[in-house]
Amino acid sequence: MSEATLITLAQSALTITVLLGAPVLVVTLVIGSLVSLVQAATQVNEVTLTFVPKIIAVVAILFFLGGWMSQQILAYTANLYNNLPNLIH
């Protein structure tokens, strides 16, 4: 396996990781910021208040985007397995 092939595989793996992780991370960042803003405005400093909206948002995102995420990872894995004989020299 050449270095260029290895770099391409690593780049593809990182790209699919960012692509699949970004929706969940962005939603939790937005929800966390909104909850922090509400907590600062109302001066309610309950630690557990931040977790419930984030958990609900993550479950909702995984419910709505779970099919797309699984299609992406399955397509990546199938492509990797199909190209495996070409990668080994």
Protein backbone atom coordinates (compact mmCIF):
# COMPACT_ATOMS: atom_id res chain seq x y z
CA MET A 1 0.00 0.00 0.00
CA SER A 2 1.45 3.34 -1.02
CA GLU A 3 1.57 6.40 1.15
CA ALA A 4 -0.87 8.25 -1.11
CA THR A 5 -3.43 5.46 -0.72
CA LEU A 6 -3.00 5.48 3.03
CA ILE A 7 -3.43 9.25 3.18
CA THR A 8 -6.56 9.02 1.01
CA LEU A 9 -8.04 6.35 3.29
CA ALA A 10 -7.29 8.41 6.39
CA GLN A 11 -8.77 11.51 4.78
CA SER A 12 -11.93 9.63 3.81
CA ALA A 13 -12.28 8.24 7.33
CA LEU A 14 -11.89 11.68 8.89
CA THR A 15 -14.33 13.21 6.41
CA ILE A 16 -17.04 10.65 7.13
CA THR A 17 -16.43 11.07 10.87
CA VAL A 18 -16.88 14.84 10.69
CA LEU A 19 -19.87 14.48 8.38
CA LEU A 20 -21.64 12.11 10.78
CA GLY A 21 -20.66 13.88 13.98
CA ALA A 22 -21.32 17.47 12.93
CA PRO A 23 -25.15 17.48 13.09
CA VAL A 24 -25.21 16.16 16.64
CA LEU A 25 -22.43 18.46 17.80
CA VAL A 26 -23.95 21.56 16.22
CA VAL A 27 -27.38 20.88 17.72
CA THR A 28 -25.94 20.29 21.19
CA LEU A 29 -23.86 23.47 20.88
CA VAL A 30 -26.90 25.55 19.92
CA ILE A 31 -29.14 24.02 22.61
CA GLY A 32 -26.42 24.42 25.23
CA SER A 33 -25.91 28.07 24.29
CA LEU A 34 -29.64 28.79 24.41
CA VAL A 35 -30.05 27.10 27.78
CA SER A 36 -27.03 29.00 29.15
CA LEU A 37 -28.50 32.25 27.88
CA VAL A 38 -31.83 31.50 29.59
CA GLN A 39 -30.03 30.50 32.78
CA ALA A 40 -28.02 33.74 32.76
CA ALA A 41 -31.13 35.82 32.12
CA THR A 42 -33.20 34.16 34.84
CA GLN A 43 -30.29 33.47 37.21
CA VAL A 44 -31.40 29.87 37.58
CA ASN A 45 -28.19 27.86 37.92
CA GLU A 46 -29.47 24.31 37.89
CA VAL A 47 -26.81 21.94 36.54
CA THR A 48 -29.24 19.27 35.40
CA LEU A 49 -31.28 21.78 33.40
CA THR A 50 -28.73 21.71 30.57
CA PHE A 51 -28.76 17.94 30.15
CA VAL A 52 -32.44 17.28 29.51
CA PRO A 53 -32.83 19.57 26.46
CA LYS A 54 -29.54 18.28 25.02
CA ILE A 55 -30.59 14.65 25.42
CA ILE A 56 -33.96 15.36 23.82
CA ALA A 57 -32.27 17.20 20.94
CA VAL A 58 -29.74 14.42 20.36
CA VAL A 59 -32.47 11.78 20.34
CA ALA A 60 -34.50 13.89 17.89
CA ILE A 61 -31.50 14.40 15.58
CA LEU A 62 -30.64 10.72 15.65
CA PHE A 63 -34.28 9.87 14.95
CA PHE A 64 -34.49 12.19 11.96
CA LEU A 65 -30.96 11.77 10.57
CA GLY A 66 -30.23 8.22 11.73
CA GLY A 67 -31.25 6.68 8.41
CA TRP A 68 -29.05 9.08 6.46
CA MET A 69 -26.16 8.53 8.86
CA SER A 70 -26.43 4.76 8.57
CA GLN A 71 -26.59 5.02 4.75
CA GLN A 72 -23.43 7.12 4.74
CA ILE A 73 -21.46 4.76 6.98
CA LEU A 74 -22.72 1.68 5.12
CA ALA A 75 -21.77 3.20 1.76
CA TYR A 76 -18.32 4.11 3.09
CA THR A 77 -17.79 0.63 4.55
CA ALA A 78 -19.04 -1.11 1.39
CA ASN A 79 -16.73 1.04 -0.72
CA LEU A 80 -13.82 0.24 1.55
CA TYR A 81 -14.50 -3.51 1.43
CA ASN A 82 -15.00 -3.46 -2.35
CA ASN A 83 -11.69 -1.68 -2.86
CA LEU A 84 -9.80 -3.86 -0.39
CA PRO A 85 -8.30 -6.17 -3.04
CA ASN A 86 -7.00 -3.13 -4.90
CA LEU A 87 -5.40 -1.73 -1.75
CA ILE A 88 -3.29 -4.79 -1.01
CA HIS A 89 -0.38 -5.15 -3.42
